[in-house]
Protein backbone atom coordinates (compact mmCIF):
# COMPACT_ATOMS: atom_id res chain seq x y z
CA MET A 1 -0.07 0.85 -40.02
CA PRO A 2 -0.66 1.04 -36.40
CA LYS A 3 -0.82 4.36 -34.99
CA THR A 4 1.61 5.68 -32.51
CA ILE A 5 0.85 8.28 -29.59
CA ASP A 6 3.43 10.94 -28.67
CA ARG A 7 2.86 10.72 -24.58
CA SER A 8 6.06 13.19 -24.44
CA GLN A 9 4.65 16.55 -25.83
CA PRO A 10 2.45 18.50 -23.09
CA ILE A 11 -1.10 19.01 -23.12
CA LYS A 12 -2.44 22.50 -23.87
CA ARG A 13 -4.85 24.27 -22.69
CA HIS A 14 -8.60 23.75 -23.39
CA SER A 15 -7.67 20.49 -24.51
CA ARG A 16 -10.31 17.32 -24.14
CA VAL A 17 -8.75 14.51 -22.32
CA VAL A 18 -9.67 11.21 -20.45
CA ALA A 19 -8.51 10.13 -16.96
CA ALA A 20 -6.50 7.74 -17.89
CA VAL A 21 -6.32 5.69 -13.95
CA ASP A 22 -8.85 6.19 -11.55
CA LEU A 23 -8.76 9.38 -9.92
CA PRO A 24 -10.51 10.65 -6.42
CA GLY A 25 -13.83 11.16 -7.24
CA VAL A 26 -13.08 10.37 -10.91
CA PRO A 27 -13.28 7.16 -12.16
CA GLU A 28 -10.88 6.17 -15.43
CA GLY A 29 -12.37 7.63 -18.41
CA THR A 30 -14.22 10.21 -17.29
CA THR A 31 -13.97 12.90 -20.26
CA GLY A 32 -12.47 16.82 -19.07
CA ARG A 33 -10.75 19.89 -20.45
CA VAL A 34 -7.67 21.30 -19.35
CA ARG A 35 -7.95 24.52 -17.42
CA VAL A 36 -4.51 25.60 -16.61
CA ALA A 37 -0.99 23.26 -18.56
CA ASN A 38 2.43 24.55 -15.87
CA GLY A 39 5.44 22.49 -15.58
CA ILE A 40 8.86 21.87 -17.47
CA ALA A 41 10.59 18.50 -16.80
CA ARG A 42 7.32 17.45 -15.01
CA TYR A 43 4.41 18.70 -16.45
CA ARG A 44 0.79 18.70 -14.31
CA TYR A 45 -2.52 20.16 -15.35
CA TRP A 46 -6.08 21.76 -13.75
CA VAL A 47 -8.53 19.92 -15.12
CA SER A 48 -12.38 20.29 -15.17
CA PHE A 49 -14.45 16.56 -15.58
CA THR A 50 -17.56 15.94 -16.90
CA ASN A 51 -19.17 14.75 -13.26
CA GLY A 52 -18.20 18.28 -12.10
CA ILE A 53 -14.89 17.80 -10.35
CA ASP A 54 -12.23 19.58 -10.97
CA ARG A 55 -8.76 18.16 -9.82
CA GLY A 56 -5.98 19.98 -9.51
CA GLY A 57 -1.80 18.89 -9.79
CA VAL A 58 -2.81 16.19 -12.50
CA GLY A 59 -0.12 14.24 -13.61
CA HIS A 60 0.71 14.15 -17.31
CA GLU A 61 0.66 10.47 -17.40
CA GLN A 62 -2.53 10.44 -15.69
CA LEU A 63 -4.08 11.81 -18.15
CA ALA A 64 -4.85 10.58 -22.36
CA GLN A 65 -5.78 13.06 -25.27
CA ARG A 66 -9.95 12.25 -25.81
CA ARG A 67 -8.77 11.60 -29.55
CA ASP A 68 -6.03 9.30 -29.02
CA TRP A 69 -8.38 7.31 -25.73
CA PRO A 70 -8.35 4.60 -27.94
CA GLN A 71 -5.17 3.84 -28.92
CA PHE A 72 -3.75 4.30 -25.75
CA LYS A 73 -6.41 1.63 -24.13
CA VAL A 74 -5.40 -0.61 -26.69
CA ASP A 75 -0.92 0.18 -26.04
CA ARG A 76 -1.94 -0.27 -22.24
CA GLU A 77 -2.97 -3.53 -22.38
CA ALA A 78 -0.51 -4.32 -24.77
CA ALA A 79 2.49 -3.03 -22.73
CA ALA A 80 0.83 -5.59 -19.91
CA LEU A 81 1.00 -8.63 -22.11
CA ARG A 82 4.44 -8.11 -22.98
CA ALA A 83 5.71 -7.23 -19.41
CA GLU A 84 3.63 -10.55 -19.07
CA ALA A 85 5.33 -12.58 -21.83
CA GLY A 86 8.12 -11.42 -20.15
CA SER A 87 8.61 -12.69 -16.65
CA THR A 88 8.92 -16.60 -18.11
CA ASP A 89 11.28 -17.58 -15.38
CA GLY A 90 7.99 -18.59 -12.82
CA ALA A 91 10.02 -17.15 -9.56
CA ASP A 92 7.78 -14.63 -9.14
CA GLY A 93 9.86 -11.68 -9.15
CA GLU A 94 12.30 -13.31 -7.55
CA VAL A 95 15.87 -12.49 -9.20
CA GLU A 96 18.74 -15.62 -8.54
CA ALA A 97 22.58 -14.33 -7.31
CA GLU A 98 25.62 -15.25 -8.97
CA GLY A 99 25.84 -17.96 -6.25
CA GLY A 100 22.29 -18.99 -7.28
CA ALA A 101 20.27 -18.54 -4.36
CA ALA A 102 17.21 -16.11 -4.89
CA ALA A 103 18.07 -12.45 -3.15
CA GLY A 104 16.28 -13.25 -0.12
CA ASN A 105 14.74 -9.46 0.18
CA ARG A 106 12.62 -7.44 -1.91
CA PHE A 107 14.68 -4.50 -1.65
CA GLY A 108 17.20 -6.13 -4.57
CA VAL A 109 20.40 -5.83 -1.94
CA PRO A 110 22.75 -7.91 -2.79
CA GLU A 111 23.81 -11.09 -0.52
CA HIS A 112 27.35 -10.15 -0.03
CA LEU A 113 26.04 -6.74 1.52
CA LEU A 114 23.98 -7.85 3.88
CA GLU A 115 25.86 -10.57 5.18
CA ARG A 116 29.21 -7.95 5.73
CA SER A 117 26.03 -5.29 7.53
CA ARG A 118 25.47 -8.80 9.84
CA LEU A 119 28.52 -9.65 10.49
CA ALA A 120 29.85 -6.10 11.84
CA ARG A 121 26.58 -5.93 13.66
CA GLU A 122 27.85 -9.20 15.54
CA ARG A 123 31.27 -7.49 16.36
CA LEU A 124 30.11 -5.03 17.89
CA GLY A 125 27.59 -6.77 20.04
CA ALA A 126 24.33 -5.28 18.77
């Protein structure tokens, strides 16, 4: 049975952790120890890493418990494969609008709003 990691719970002080992403001066996979844990809705940590770097303000999503690190890597790769398989439309991320044409911008603003803005600028002579 696959192990599940509960990443919603805060990491406690003095816990051993691993950098889940590259941080300034700390490569991914570097172990460390949480010195200060704070936050209520958004957890932040001060961590002393084994390479001699102390980082403050490290986000909860940037760390993994040391005991969970192997499973964390497996879960991250599986999520990347699911995301890649989910984009089967082959349109390079472009969303089809109701008229069948691509959205036309990277921000996802509906085409009718862009047209409305263009017409207003023409009316004002801008």
